[in-house]
C-alpha cells in the first residue's frame, strides 16, 4: 500500500512539502496538491513583483515536483466550500495546510475604511492579475501615494508606482494595471516606517534597485540616519542595505518627475478626506529601548492612495483550530495542528522569510509525520476525493489543464513580455476544457 497525503495549497510551501515527501517515500507515496485556483504556484505567480522574473524561475523546480510519478495537481477545489478538512482526514493518511496568509491585516486607525485605502495583498494581487483582486478600484489621480511599512513589499509597491510603462511592459504585470499606471498622476511616493533605517527590513537588492529607476529619485532625510559608526553593529547584509539608504540622503528631486520619500520615524494615526482618502496623518516618533514612541508632533502627507504593507493573516477554516491573535493555525515547532493534520509555510509560522524559507518547513513536517508513525492505512486517497467531488458536481483541474491556461497566456503576451495572465476563473476553466 502507498501513503496518501493531501497538501492544501499549491504554492511554495505546498511544493516544498511535496518534494520532501517524495524524497522520504519515493514510489510509496501519493500526493494531491489541492488549490482553489486552476493555476498553481501561489505567491510566485501572484505575489512576487512582476519585474523580478528571475525569482519566478523557481516554478521550474515546482513543475518537476508536480510531474513526478504519484503527484498531481487538483485545482479549482476550495477547502471549506467543496471539501472539508474532516473529509480530507477521512480520505488521506495525512493532511498538510499550506494555504499561506492571503488576508491583509487592518491598519486599525480612523479612516482606514475610506476609498483609496488598500492592503498590500489586494494591491499586489491587482497588479499581478490575481482573480480575487483584478477588479480592485485603484485611483491614481492624486499626486501623492503613501505606503505604510518598512519591508520589501513596501518597496515593491513603491517601485511599481514609480516605474515607467516601458520599464514594466516587458514584465508579466497585468494589462489592466499597466493601463492604469500609464495614466497615473502619482509623483510623490512616501514609504512610512515607525522606526529608523537600522530597524527597516528591506533587503540590499530591493533597496539598491530604487537608485536605478528611470524617472524616480529615492530620498532619505539626512537627520533620520544614525551616526555612520553605529552601522558597525549591523550584520553585513543589513549594513549594505543601510549604505544604499545613506546614498539617497540629501539628494534632490532633480529632473526626475517622481520622488520616493522614505518617511522614517513616522507613525500613522489617521486617514482623512471627504468621502475618500486625501491625506495620511502621521505622528513623529523617537526610539526608546528599540521601540517607537510618539512625540505628539503631527504631520499630514497629501495622498489619494494609502497602501498598508503591515502583514498578512491566514484565513480561518471551519472545524480547524485557529489562533486569532497570531492570525494563523496554532502548531507546535514541527508544524502539528492535530492528529494527522499539519501546516507548513506562512500558515504555520506567519508571513516571514523568503520563498526558500518554506523549504525547511516542508521537510520538518515530513519528519513529524515519521515521528508520529504516519503509514499507509488503506484510505481511499485521491480516488476517494475524485468520487466525492464528482458527487458534488465539482470540476477539478489538473496540471495538463494548467499547461493549456499557460499556453494561452503566453500566446496573448505583449511584445517582450513573458505572458498576459488570465484574471477570470471562468475563462481559465473554458480554456482548460
Protein backbone atom coordinates (compact mmCIF):
# COMPACT_ATOMS: atom_id res chain seq x y z
CA UNK A 1 0.00 0.00 0.00
CA UNK A 2 1.03 3.60 -0.55
CA UNK A 3 0.82 6.55 1.83
CA UNK A 4 -1.76 9.11 0.74
CA UNK A 5 -1.06 12.77 1.56
CA UNK A 6 -3.21 15.80 0.77
CA UNK A 7 -1.43 19.16 0.65
CA UNK A 8 -3.83 22.08 0.53
CA UNK A 9 -2.19 24.97 -1.29
CA UNK A 10 -0.10 24.71 -4.46
CA UNK A 11 2.32 27.50 -3.58
CA UNK A 12 5.96 27.37 -2.43
CA UNK A 13 5.15 25.80 0.95
CA UNK A 14 2.99 23.14 -0.67
CA UNK A 15 5.54 22.22 -3.31
CA UNK A 16 8.45 22.05 -0.86
CA UNK A 17 6.35 19.78 1.38
CA UNK A 18 5.56 17.58 -1.62
CA UNK A 19 9.25 17.46 -2.56
CA UNK A 20 10.14 16.37 0.98
CA UNK A 21 7.51 13.62 0.89
CA UNK A 22 8.82 12.38 -2.45
CA UNK A 23 12.37 12.21 -1.10
CA UNK A 24 11.23 10.35 2.00
CA UNK A 25 8.90 7.75 0.48
CA UNK A 26 9.65 7.72 -3.24
CA UNK A 27 7.24 5.48 -5.15
CA UNK A 28 5.41 4.60 -1.92
CA UNK A 29 3.62 7.95 -1.62
CA UNK A 30 0.70 9.52 -3.49
CA UNK A 31 0.37 13.27 -3.15
CA UNK A 32 -2.54 15.52 -4.11
CA UNK A 33 -1.74 19.24 -4.24
CA UNK A 34 -5.15 20.86 -3.83
CA UNK A 35 -5.68 24.51 -4.74
CA UNK A 36 -8.77 26.68 -5.04
CA UNK A 37 -7.48 28.24 -8.28
CA UNK A 38 -6.88 26.38 -11.56
CA UNK A 39 -3.37 27.90 -11.56
CA UNK A 40 -0.50 26.65 -9.36
CA UNK A 41 2.48 28.41 -7.72
CA UNK A 42 0.68 30.71 -5.28
CA UNK A 43 2.76 33.74 -4.32
CA UNK A 44 5.31 33.06 -7.06
CA UNK A 45 2.59 33.85 -9.57
CA UNK A 46 0.58 36.42 -7.63
CA UNK A 47 2.94 37.87 -5.02
CA UNK A 48 6.42 38.21 -6.48
CA UNK A 49 6.86 41.56 -8.21
CA UNK A 50 6.38 41.30 -11.99
CA UNK A 51 9.78 42.90 -12.64
CA UNK A 52 11.52 40.15 -10.64
CA UNK A 53 11.24 37.40 -13.23
CA UNK A 54 14.42 35.64 -12.08
CA UNK A 55 12.74 34.76 -8.77
CA UNK A 56 9.81 33.23 -10.65
CA UNK A 57 12.18 30.75 -12.34
CA UNK A 58 11.76 28.54 -9.25
CA UNK A 59 8.49 27.36 -10.80
CA UNK A 60 10.56 25.00 -12.97
CA UNK A 61 11.52 23.17 -9.78
CA UNK A 62 7.88 23.04 -8.68
CA UNK A 63 6.86 21.76 -12.11
CA UNK A 64 9.32 18.88 -11.79
CA UNK A 65 7.86 18.07 -8.36
CA UNK A 66 4.34 18.10 -9.79
CA UNK A 67 5.24 15.86 -12.71
CA UNK A 68 6.90 13.19 -10.56
CA UNK A 69 5.00 9.87 -10.52
CA UNK A 70 2.30 9.76 -7.88
CA UNK A 71 1.92 13.52 -7.52
CA UNK A 72 -0.87 15.55 -9.08
CA UNK A 73 -2.43 18.99 -9.01
CA UNK A 74 -6.10 19.16 -8.05
CA UNK A 75 -7.11 22.71 -8.98
CA UNK A 76 -10.38 24.62 -8.74
CA UNK A 77 -11.16 22.93 -5.41
CA UNK A 78 -11.73 25.13 -2.38
CA UNK A 79 -11.34 23.90 1.17
CA UNK A 80 -14.49 24.65 3.14
CA UNK A 81 -16.58 25.07 0.00
CA UNK A 82 -16.02 21.88 -1.95
CA UNK A 83 -14.48 19.65 0.70
CA UNK A 84 -13.83 19.91 4.43
CA UNK A 85 -10.71 19.22 6.48
CA UNK A 86 -12.60 16.43 8.25
CA UNK A 87 -13.41 14.80 4.91
CA UNK A 88 -9.79 15.03 3.77
CA UNK A 89 -8.62 13.42 7.01
CA UNK A 90 -11.04 10.59 6.28
CA UNK A 91 -9.56 10.10 2.81
CA UNK A 92 -5.82 10.64 3.38
CA UNK A 93 -3.25 9.35 5.83
CA UNK A 94 -2.09 12.92 6.50
CA UNK A 95 -3.23 16.41 5.54
CA UNK A 96 -0.99 19.49 5.33
CA UNK A 97 -2.41 23.00 5.24
CA UNK A 98 -0.08 25.13 3.10
CA UNK A 99 -2.65 27.81 2.37
CA UNK A 100 -0.44 30.83 3.02
CA UNK A 101 -1.68 34.09 4.51
CA UNK A 102 -3.83 35.78 1.86
CA UNK A 103 -5.65 38.30 4.06
CA UNK A 104 -4.39 41.80 4.83
CA UNK A 105 -4.02 42.88 8.44
CA UNK A 106 -6.11 46.02 9.04
CA UNK A 107 -4.28 49.26 9.84
CA UNK A 108 -6.59 49.91 12.75
CA UNK A 109 -6.70 53.72 12.59
CA UNK A 110 -9.59 56.15 11.95
CA UNK A 111 -10.37 56.44 8.26
CA UNK A 112 -8.80 53.16 7.23
CA UNK A 113 -12.10 52.20 5.59
CA UNK A 114 -12.12 55.18 3.21
CA UNK A 115 -11.96 54.52 -0.55
CA UNK A 116 -8.32 54.74 -1.57
CA UNK A 117 -7.04 52.72 1.41
CA UNK A 118 -5.98 49.20 0.39
CA UNK A 119 -3.90 46.39 1.80
CA UNK A 120 -0.78 45.21 0.04
CA UNK A 121 -2.24 41.74 -0.62
CA UNK A 122 -5.01 43.41 -2.61
CA UNK A 123 -2.74 45.93 -4.34
CA UNK A 124 -0.05 43.37 -5.22
CA UNK A 125 -2.78 40.96 -6.33
CA UNK A 126 -4.23 43.72 -8.51
CA UNK A 127 -1.05 44.41 -10.45
CA UNK A 128 -0.17 40.70 -10.57
CA UNK A 129 -3.54 39.68 -12.02
CA UNK A 130 -4.86 37.60 -9.13
CA UNK A 131 -8.53 36.77 -9.84
CA UNK A 132 -9.56 37.92 -6.34
CA UNK A 133 -8.17 41.41 -6.87
CA UNK A 134 -8.22 42.08 -10.61
CA UNK A 135 -11.31 44.25 -10.18
CA UNK A 136 -9.83 46.39 -7.40
CA UNK A 137 -10.55 50.10 -7.90
CA UNK A 138 -7.14 51.78 -7.84
CA UNK A 139 -7.37 55.57 -8.14
CA UNK A 140 -4.06 57.13 -9.17
CA UNK A 141 -5.45 60.59 -9.90
CA UNK A 142 -3.81 62.21 -6.84
CA UNK A 143 -0.15 63.28 -6.91
CA UNK A 144 0.60 61.52 -3.61
CA UNK A 145 0.67 57.88 -2.52
CA UNK A 146 1.52 56.67 0.99
CA UNK A 147 2.87 53.18 1.66
CA UNK A 148 2.85 52.05 5.29
CA UNK A 149 5.56 49.54 6.13
CA UNK A 150 9.31 49.10 6.02
CA UNK A 151 9.68 45.74 4.32
CA UNK A 152 10.30 44.52 0.79
CA UNK A 153 6.61 44.55 -0.13
CA UNK A 154 6.54 48.29 0.56
CA UNK A 155 9.47 48.79 -1.81
CA UNK A 156 7.82 46.58 -4.43
CA UNK A 157 4.67 48.72 -4.32
CA UNK A 158 6.70 51.93 -4.50
CA UNK A 159 8.76 50.66 -7.41
CA UNK A 160 5.70 49.64 -9.42
CA UNK A 161 4.12 53.06 -8.84
CA UNK A 162 7.35 54.83 -9.83
CA UNK A 163 8.44 52.87 -12.90
CA UNK A 164 7.73 53.94 -16.46
CA UNK A 165 5.39 51.96 -18.71
CA UNK A 166 8.41 50.96 -20.78
CA UNK A 167 10.12 49.53 -17.70
CA UNK A 168 7.04 47.48 -16.85
CA UNK A 169 5.78 46.47 -20.29
CA UNK A 170 8.25 43.58 -20.66
CA UNK A 171 7.17 42.05 -17.34
CA UNK A 172 4.10 39.94 -16.62
CA UNK A 173 2.27 42.81 -14.91
CA UNK A 174 -1.46 42.56 -15.60
CA UNK A 175 -2.60 44.62 -18.58
CA UNK A 176 -5.36 46.35 -16.60
CA UNK A 177 -2.76 47.54 -14.08
CA UNK A 178 -0.35 48.70 -16.78
CA UNK A 179 -3.07 50.82 -18.40
CA UNK A 180 -3.98 52.40 -15.05
CA UNK A 181 -0.34 53.11 -14.25
CA UNK A 182 0.17 54.67 -17.68
CA UNK A 183 -2.38 57.35 -16.77
CA UNK A 184 -1.08 57.77 -13.20
CA UNK A 185 -0.76 61.26 -11.70
CA UNK A 186 1.33 59.97 -8.77
CA UNK A 187 4.53 61.99 -8.38
CA UNK A 188 5.24 61.75 -4.64
CA UNK A 189 5.51 58.26 -3.13
CA UNK A 190 6.03 58.08 0.64
CA UNK A 191 7.30 54.95 2.42
CA UNK A 192 6.37 55.25 6.08
CA UNK A 193 8.02 53.45 8.99
CA UNK A 194 7.57 53.82 12.74
CA UNK A 195 11.27 53.34 13.41
CA UNK A 196 14.53 54.18 11.64
CA UNK A 197 16.85 52.86 8.91
CA UNK A 198 18.58 50.41 11.24
CA UNK A 199 15.23 48.77 12.05
CA UNK A 200 13.96 48.61 8.45
CA UNK A 201 13.70 45.10 6.98
CA UNK A 202 14.42 45.93 3.34
CA UNK A 203 16.94 43.65 1.63
CA UNK A 204 20.02 45.06 -0.07
CA UNK A 205 18.77 44.18 -3.55
CA UNK A 206 15.36 45.78 -3.07
CA UNK A 207 16.78 49.00 -1.63
CA UNK A 208 19.51 49.23 -4.26
CA UNK A 209 17.08 48.91 -7.16
CA UNK A 210 15.48 52.23 -6.25
CA UNK A 211 18.68 54.02 -7.22
CA UNK A 212 18.34 52.89 -10.84
CA UNK A 213 14.82 53.93 -11.76
CA UNK A 214 14.42 55.93 -14.96
CA UNK A 215 12.06 58.61 -13.69
CA UNK A 216 12.16 58.35 -9.90
CA UNK A 217 14.54 59.63 -7.23
CA UNK A 218 14.66 58.00 -3.77
CA UNK A 219 15.18 60.49 -0.94
CA UNK A 220 16.16 59.94 2.69
CA UNK A 221 16.27 62.79 5.19
CA UNK A 222 19.88 63.03 6.50
CA UNK A 223 18.60 63.64 10.02
CA UNK A 224 16.84 60.26 10.02
CA UNK A 225 20.13 58.38 9.66
CA UNK A 226 22.06 57.36 12.80
CA UNK A 227 25.79 58.16 13.05
CA UNK A 228 27.65 56.08 10.48
CA UNK A 229 29.82 54.50 13.17
CA UNK A 230 26.75 52.73 14.52
CA UNK A 231 26.46 50.73 11.28
CA UNK A 232 29.34 48.55 12.52
CA UNK A 233 26.93 46.76 14.87
CA UNK A 234 24.77 45.59 11.94
CA UNK A 235 25.20 42.29 10.14
CA UNK A 236 26.95 42.68 6.74
CA UNK A 237 23.79 42.36 4.64
CA UNK A 238 21.88 44.90 6.68
CA UNK A 239 24.87 47.25 6.61
CA UNK A 240 24.88 47.14 2.80
CA UNK A 241 21.17 47.97 2.75
CA UNK A 242 21.73 50.95 5.05
CA UNK A 243 24.57 52.09 2.79
CA UNK A 244 22.04 52.34 -0.03
CA UNK A 245 19.78 54.46 2.17
CA UNK A 246 22.77 56.67 3.03
CA UNK A 247 23.41 57.17 -0.68
CA UNK A 248 19.85 58.52 -1.01
CA UNK A 249 20.30 61.03 1.81
CA UNK A 250 20.29 64.72 0.99
CA UNK A 251 19.53 64.16 -2.69
CA UNK A 252 17.17 66.47 -4.52
CA UNK A 253 14.39 65.68 -6.94
CA UNK A 254 16.46 66.98 -9.84
CA UNK A 255 14.94 66.47 -13.26
CA UNK A 256 13.17 63.23 -12.34
CA UNK A 257 9.41 63.75 -12.03
CA UNK A 258 8.79 61.19 -9.27
CA UNK A 259 10.19 61.05 -5.74
CA UNK A 260 10.23 58.08 -3.38
CA UNK A 261 10.39 59.64 0.06
CA UNK A 262 11.48 57.49 2.99
CA UNK A 263 9.49 58.76 5.97
CA UNK A 264 11.28 57.17 8.92
CA UNK A 265 10.13 57.79 12.50
CA UNK A 266 6.53 58.33 11.44
CA UNK A 267 3.52 56.54 12.96
CA UNK A 268 0.21 56.57 11.02
CA UNK A 269 -2.63 57.82 13.21
CA UNK A 270 -5.48 58.58 10.79
CA UNK A 271 -6.58 58.73 7.17
CA UNK A 272 -8.61 61.84 6.36
CA UNK A 273 -10.65 63.04 3.40
CA UNK A 274 -14.09 63.92 2.13
CA UNK A 275 -15.55 60.58 1.08
CA UNK A 276 -12.13 59.22 0.07
CA UNK A 277 -8.51 59.24 1.18
CA UNK A 278 -6.89 62.65 0.72
CA UNK A 279 -4.17 62.68 3.38
CA UNK A 280 -2.47 60.43 5.90
CA UNK A 281 -1.85 61.92 9.33
CA UNK A 282 1.39 60.69 10.91
CA UNK A 283 2.95 61.28 14.30
CA UNK A 284 6.70 61.78 14.65
CA UNK A 285 8.30 59.13 16.83
CA UNK A 286 11.55 58.54 18.64
CA UNK A 287 13.26 55.34 19.71
CA UNK A 288 13.20 54.24 23.33
CA UNK A 289 14.79 50.85 24.01
CA UNK A 290 14.30 49.98 20.36
CA UNK A 291 10.59 50.82 20.37
CA UNK A 292 8.86 53.70 18.57
CA UNK A 293 7.33 56.18 20.99
CA UNK A 294 5.09 59.02 19.84
CA UNK A 295 6.21 62.60 20.39
CA UNK A 296 2.83 64.24 19.82
CA UNK A 297 4.06 66.08 16.72
CA UNK A 298 1.62 65.52 13.84
CA UNK A 299 2.20 65.90 10.12
CA UNK A 300 -0.12 65.48 7.11
CA UNK A 301 1.02 63.63 4.00
CA UNK A 302 -1.20 64.51 0.98
CA UNK A 303 -2.20 61.30 -0.80
CA UNK A 304 -5.10 59.73 -2.62
CA UNK A 305 -3.82 56.18 -2.21
CA UNK A 306 -2.76 54.52 1.06
CA UNK A 307 -1.27 51.02 0.83
CA UNK A 308 -0.85 49.10 4.09
CA UNK A 309 2.14 46.73 3.92
CA UNK A 310 1.93 45.70 7.57
CA UNK A 311 1.46 41.96 7.37
CA UNK A 312 -0.98 39.21 6.48
CA UNK A 313 -3.27 36.68 8.10
CA UNK A 314 -4.19 33.12 7.26
CA UNK A 315 -7.90 32.60 6.72
CA UNK A 316 -9.64 30.54 9.40
CA UNK A 317 -11.03 27.18 8.26
CA UNK A 318 -14.25 25.80 9.80
CA UNK A 319 -13.57 22.92 12.15
CA UNK A 320 -9.83 23.65 12.40
CA UNK A 321 -8.06 25.30 15.34
CA UNK A 322 -7.12 28.92 14.67
CA UNK A 323 -5.07 31.39 16.72
CA UNK A 324 -6.83 34.71 16.24
CA UNK A 325 -4.07 36.70 17.90
CA UNK A 326 -1.40 35.15 15.68
CA UNK A 327 -3.50 35.19 12.53
CA UNK A 328 -2.59 31.60 11.67
CA UNK A 329 -3.04 27.99 12.74
CA UNK A 330 -1.62 27.09 16.15
CA UNK A 331 1.11 24.49 15.67
CA UNK A 332 3.97 23.04 17.64
CA UNK A 333 7.55 23.57 16.48
CA UNK A 334 7.25 20.75 13.93
CA UNK A 335 4.05 22.04 12.33
CA UNK A 336 1.49 19.78 14.01
CA UNK A 337 -2.05 21.12 14.38
CA UNK A 338 -3.70 17.88 15.49
CA UNK A 339 -3.68 14.13 14.73
CA UNK A 340 -2.53 13.63 11.10
CA UNK A 341 -3.08 17.37 10.47
CA UNK A 342 -0.12 19.68 9.85
CA UNK A 343 0.73 23.13 8.49
CA UNK A 344 3.69 24.46 6.53
CA UNK A 345 4.82 27.86 5.28
CA UNK A 346 3.06 31.06 6.30
CA UNK A 347 0.06 29.12 7.58
CA UNK A 348 2.45 27.61 10.14
CA UNK A 349 4.84 30.40 11.11
CA UNK A 350 3.19 33.59 9.87
CA UNK A 351 4.24 35.79 6.91
CA UNK A 352 8.00 35.91 7.26
CA UNK A 353 11.13 34.97 5.37
CA UNK A 354 11.87 34.46 1.70
CA UNK A 355 10.49 31.93 -0.79
CA UNK A 356 13.23 29.47 0.18
CA UNK A 357 12.40 29.77 3.88
CA UNK A 358 9.42 27.50 3.20
CA UNK A 359 11.64 24.57 2.25
CA UNK A 360 12.79 23.64 5.78
CA UNK A 361 9.15 23.85 6.89
CA UNK A 362 8.16 21.18 4.40
CA UNK A 363 10.93 18.83 5.42
CA UNK A 364 10.23 19.25 9.15
CA UNK A 365 6.55 18.40 8.58
CA UNK A 366 7.54 15.15 6.87
CA UNK A 367 9.90 14.39 9.76
CA UNK A 368 6.98 14.97 12.14
CA UNK A 369 4.85 12.52 10.14
CA UNK A 370 7.58 9.91 10.54
CA UNK A 371 7.81 10.56 14.26
CA UNK A 372 4.01 10.31 14.51
CA UNK A 373 4.01 6.93 12.82
CA UNK A 374 2.07 8.02 9.72
CA UNK A 375 1.92 4.97 7.46
CA UNK A 376 -0.21 3.58 4.65
CA UNK A 377 -3.59 2.72 6.15
CA UNK A 378 -5.58 1.80 3.07
CA UNK A 379 -7.56 5.05 2.94
CA UNK A 380 -9.11 5.96 -0.41
CA UNK A 381 -6.80 8.93 -1.10
CA UNK A 382 -7.15 10.64 -4.48
CA UNK A 383 -9.69 8.17 -5.81
CA UNK A 384 -11.94 8.92 -2.88
CA UNK A 385 -11.52 12.67 -3.40
CA UNK A 386 -12.39 12.34 -7.08
CA UNK A 387 -15.57 10.44 -6.25
CA UNK A 388 -16.56 12.97 -3.58
CA UNK A 389 -16.01 15.95 -5.90
CA UNK A 390 -17.88 14.24 -8.74
CA UNK A 391 -20.84 13.63 -6.46
CA UNK A 392 -20.94 17.37 -5.73
CA UNK A 393 -20.54 18.47 -9.34
CA UNK A 394 -17.11 19.99 -8.70
CA UNK A 395 -14.96 20.03 -11.82
CA UNK A 396 -11.34 19.85 -10.70
CA UNK A 397 -8.45 20.77 -12.98
CA UNK A 398 -5.07 19.08 -13.25
CA UNK A 399 -1.57 20.01 -14.39
CA UNK A 400 -2.42 19.46 -18.06
CA UNK A 401 -5.27 21.95 -17.60
CA UNK A 402 -2.75 24.44 -16.21
CA UNK A 403 -0.50 23.93 -19.22
CA UNK A 404 -3.38 24.88 -21.52
CA UNK A 405 -4.00 28.03 -19.48
CA UNK A 406 -0.30 28.82 -19.52
CA UNK A 407 -0.08 28.38 -23.29
CA UNK A 408 -3.00 30.77 -23.77
CA UNK A 409 -1.32 33.36 -21.53
CA UNK A 410 1.99 33.09 -23.38
CA UNK A 411 0.23 33.43 -26.73
CA UNK A 412 -1.54 36.62 -25.55
CA UNK A 413 1.60 38.30 -24.18
CA UNK A 414 2.64 41.83 -25.08
CA UNK A 415 5.79 42.12 -27.19
CA UNK A 416 8.73 41.26 -24.95
CA UNK A 417 6.55 40.11 -22.03
CA UNK A 418 6.53 36.50 -20.80
CA UNK A 419 2.73 36.20 -20.57
CA UNK A 420 -0.57 38.04 -20.18
CA UNK A 421 -2.23 36.49 -17.16
CA UNK A 422 -5.83 35.43 -17.32
CA UNK A 423 -7.72 37.01 -14.43
CA UNK A 424 -11.14 35.37 -14.85
CA UNK A 425 -11.52 31.86 -13.44
CA UNK A 426 -14.45 31.03 -15.72
CA UNK A 427 -12.29 31.89 -18.73
CA UNK A 428 -9.47 29.72 -17.35
CA UNK A 429 -11.83 26.77 -16.98
CA UNK A 430 -13.10 27.35 -20.50
CA UNK A 431 -9.57 27.11 -21.88
CA UNK A 432 -8.73 24.16 -19.66
CA UNK A 433 -11.68 22.28 -21.13
